[in-house]
C-alpha atoms as a PDB file:
ATOM      1  CA  MET A   1      23.473 -33.343 -52.145  1.00  0.00           C
ATOM      2  CA  PRO A   2      21.359 -32.569 -49.001  1.00  0.00           C
ATOM      3  CA  LEU A   3      18.056 -34.141 -49.089  1.00  0.00           C
ATOM      4  CA  ARG A   4      15.144 -32.126 -48.760  1.00  0.00           C
ATOM      5  CA  PRO A   5      11.795 -32.865 -46.352  1.00  0.00           C
ATOM      6  CA  SER A   6       9.085 -33.852 -48.000  1.00  0.00           C
ATOM      7  CA  ALA A   7       5.704 -31.870 -47.765  1.00  0.00           C
ATOM      8  CA  THR A   8       4.274 -34.517 -45.454  1.00  0.00           C
ATOM      9  CA  GLN A   9       7.420 -34.301 -43.144  1.00  0.00           C
ATOM     10  CA  MET A  10       7.063 -30.602 -43.110  1.00  0.00           C
ATOM     11  CA  ARG A  11       3.494 -30.879 -42.462  1.00  0.00           C
ATOM     12  CA  THR A  12       3.956 -33.052 -39.430  1.00  0.00           C
ATOM     13  CA  SER A  13       6.737 -30.522 -37.936  1.00  0.00           C
ATOM     14  CA  THR A  14       4.718 -27.744 -38.333  1.00  0.00           C
ATOM     15  CA  ILE A  15       2.005 -29.824 -36.359  1.00  0.00           C
ATOM     16  CA  PHE A  16       4.093 -30.706 -33.399  1.00  0.00           C
ATOM     17  CA  ALA A  17       5.257 -27.151 -33.069  1.00  0.00           C
ATOM     18  CA  MET A  18       1.713 -25.728 -33.033  1.00  0.00           C
ATOM     19  CA  LEU A  19       1.066 -28.276 -30.248  1.00  0.00           C
ATOM     20  CA  ALA A  20       4.265 -27.274 -28.674  1.00  0.00           C
ATOM     21  CA  LEU A  21       2.962 -24.138 -28.392  1.00  0.00           C
ATOM     22  CA  LEU A  22      -0.262 -24.987 -27.180  1.00  0.00           C
ATOM     23  CA  GLY A  23       1.022 -26.728 -24.172  1.00  0.00           C
ATOM     24  CA  THR A  24       2.475 -23.770 -22.602  1.00  0.00           C
ATOM     25  CA  ALA A  25       1.440 -21.938 -19.967  1.00  0.00           C
ATOM     26  CA  LYS A  26      -0.614 -18.592 -20.630  1.00  0.00           C
ATOM     27  CA  ALA A  27       1.048 -15.369 -18.984  1.00  0.00           C
ATOM     28  CA  ALA A  28       0.069 -12.266 -17.535  1.00  0.00           C
ATOM     29  CA  HIS A  29       1.513  -8.978 -16.261  1.00  0.00           C
ATOM     30  CA  GLU A  30      -1.042  -8.476 -13.886  1.00  0.00           C
ATOM     31  CA  ALA A  31      -3.367 -10.848 -11.758  1.00  0.00           C
ATOM     32  CA  TRP A  32      -6.098 -11.106  -9.136  1.00  0.00           C
ATOM     33  CA  CYS A  33      -8.696 -12.901  -7.456  1.00  0.00           C
ATOM     34  CA  THR A  34     -11.966 -11.517  -6.863  1.00  0.00           C
ATOM     35  CA  ALA A  35     -15.363 -12.448  -4.841  1.00  0.00           C
ATOM     36  CA  ALA A  36     -17.249 -13.113  -7.980  1.00  0.00           C
ATOM     37  CA  LYS A  37     -16.719 -16.213  -9.352  1.00  0.00           C
ATOM     38  CA  ASP A  38     -16.964 -15.020 -12.463  1.00  0.00           C
ATOM     39  CA  GLY A  39     -13.662 -12.891 -12.175  1.00  0.00           C
ATOM     40  CA  SER A  40     -15.711  -9.584 -12.459  1.00  0.00           C
ATOM     41  CA  GLY A  41     -15.145  -7.067  -9.845  1.00  0.00           C
ATOM     42  CA  PRO A  42     -12.408  -5.390  -7.680  1.00  0.00           C
ATOM     43  CA  PRO A  43      -9.395  -7.371  -6.546  1.00  0.00           C
ATOM     44  CA  ASP A  44     -10.327  -9.276  -3.658  1.00  0.00           C
ATOM     45  CA  PRO A  45      -7.498  -9.061  -0.846  1.00  0.00           C
ATOM     46  CA  ARG A  46      -7.927 -12.147   0.910  1.00  0.00           C
ATOM     47  CA  PHE A  47      -6.835 -14.348  -1.699  1.00  0.00           C
ATOM     48  CA  THR A  48      -4.423 -12.204  -4.358  1.00  0.00           C
ATOM     49  CA  PRO A  49      -1.240 -12.109  -2.123  1.00  0.00           C
ATOM     50  CA  VAL A  50      -1.580 -15.962  -1.664  1.00  0.00           C
ATOM     51  CA  CYS A  51      -2.213 -16.947  -5.229  1.00  0.00           C
ATOM     52  CA  CYS A  52       0.125 -14.168  -5.964  1.00  0.00           C
ATOM     53  CA  ALA A  53       3.262 -16.271  -4.334  1.00  0.00           C
ATOM     54  CA  VAL A  54       2.050 -19.322  -5.861  1.00  0.00           C
ATOM     55  CA  SER A  55       1.980 -18.412  -9.545  1.00  0.00           C
ATOM     56  CA  GLN A  56       5.156 -16.573  -9.718  1.00  0.00           C
ATOM     57  CA  GLU A  57       7.150 -17.815 -12.714  1.00  0.00           C
ATOM     58  CA  SER A  58      10.194 -15.397 -11.447  1.00  0.00           C
ATOM     59  CA  LYS A  59      11.094 -13.702  -8.849  1.00  0.00           C
ATOM     60  CA  ASN A  60      10.142 -10.406 -10.229  1.00  0.00           C
ATOM     61  CA  ILE A  61       6.547 -10.847  -8.912  1.00  0.00           C
ATOM     62  CA  LEU A  62       4.973  -9.219  -6.175  1.00  0.00           C
ATOM     63  CA  TYR A  63       1.591  -8.320  -4.379  1.00  0.00           C
ATOM     64  CA  ASN A  64       0.864  -4.236  -5.024  1.00  0.00           C
ATOM     65  CA  ARG A  65      -1.048  -3.892  -2.098  1.00  0.00           C
ATOM     66  CA  ALA A  66      -2.211  -0.456  -3.713  1.00  0.00           C
ATOM     67  CA  VAL A  67      -3.866  -1.762  -6.355  1.00  0.00           C
ATOM     68  CA  GLY A  68      -4.742  -5.021  -4.963  1.00  0.00           C
ATOM     69  CA  LYS A  69      -3.509  -6.804  -7.496  1.00  0.00           C
ATOM     70  CA  CYS A  70      -0.455  -9.096  -8.457  1.00  0.00           C
ATOM     71  CA  GLN A  71       2.300  -7.596 -10.806  1.00  0.00           C
ATOM     72  CA  ASP A  72       5.559  -7.806 -12.581  1.00  0.00           C
ATOM     73  CA  LYS A  73       7.730  -5.522 -11.170  1.00  0.00           C
ATOM     74  CA  GLU A  74       9.480  -4.187 -14.293  1.00  0.00           C
ATOM     75  CA  GLY A  75       6.291  -3.840 -16.044  1.00  0.00           C
ATOM     76  CA  ARG A  76       7.136  -6.847 -18.750  1.00  0.00           C
ATOM     77  CA  ARG A  77       4.169  -9.114 -20.098  1.00  0.00           C
ATOM     78  CA  GLY A  78       4.424 -12.933 -19.200  1.00  0.00           C
ATOM     79  CA  THR A  79       5.755 -13.385 -15.877  1.00  0.00           C
ATOM     80  CA  ILE A  80       2.791 -14.860 -13.884  1.00  0.00           C
ATOM     81  CA  ASP A  81       1.602 -17.890 -14.598  1.00  0.00           C
ATOM     82  CA  GLU A  82      -2.541 -17.319 -15.246  1.00  0.00           C
ATOM     83  CA  ARG A  83      -3.184 -20.810 -15.368  1.00  0.00           C
ATOM     84  CA  ALA A  84      -1.823 -21.839 -11.574  1.00  0.00           C
ATOM     85  CA  PHE A  85      -3.157 -18.484 -10.836  1.00  0.00           C
ATOM     86  CA  GLN A  86      -6.643 -18.608 -11.593  1.00  0.00           C
ATOM     87  CA  ASN A  87      -6.643 -22.252 -10.367  1.00  0.00           C
ATOM     88  CA  CYS A  88      -5.241 -20.864  -6.382  1.00  0.00           C
ATOM     89  CA  CYS A  89      -8.535 -18.145  -7.331  1.00  0.00           C
ATOM     90  CA  ILE A  90     -10.981 -21.305  -8.063  1.00  0.00           C
ATOM     91  CA  ASP A  91      -9.340 -23.229  -5.145  1.00  0.00           C
ATOM     92  CA  ASN A  92     -10.254 -20.666  -2.675  1.00  0.00           C
ATOM     93  CA  GLY A  93     -13.933 -20.448  -3.708  1.00  0.00           C
ATOM     94  CA  VAL A  94     -13.610 -17.071  -5.612  1.00  0.00           C
ATOM     95  CA  GLY A  95     -12.885 -15.694  -8.706  1.00  0.00           C
ATOM     96  CA  GLY A  96      -9.967 -14.570 -10.843  1.00  0.00           C
ATOM     97  CA  ASN A  97      -9.048 -11.753 -13.512  1.00  0.00           C
ATOM     98  CA  SER A  98      -5.560 -11.055 -15.410  1.00  0.00           C
ATOM     99  CA  ASP A  99      -4.020  -8.593 -17.994  1.00  0.00           C
END
């Protein structure tokens, strides 16, 4: 006869699963640095390409010079590490934004 987990074990498992999800990196389809530190305004062409290279989670990321943003080549969401991108912008003294 199989053992059934107790309600406490189920709650504990659920809590650990939620904590694991919270620890994952947030990802975006496109991201850009801005001259404004609050992330508003147009893309900053000086730092966006640099931060694009730093925050790639796959080889499908490129700096799109026409729009001034770091983008996923295939249009899929979730391939740019937003945290790494934002930190790169901040480290360079500018703001960052993403979709």
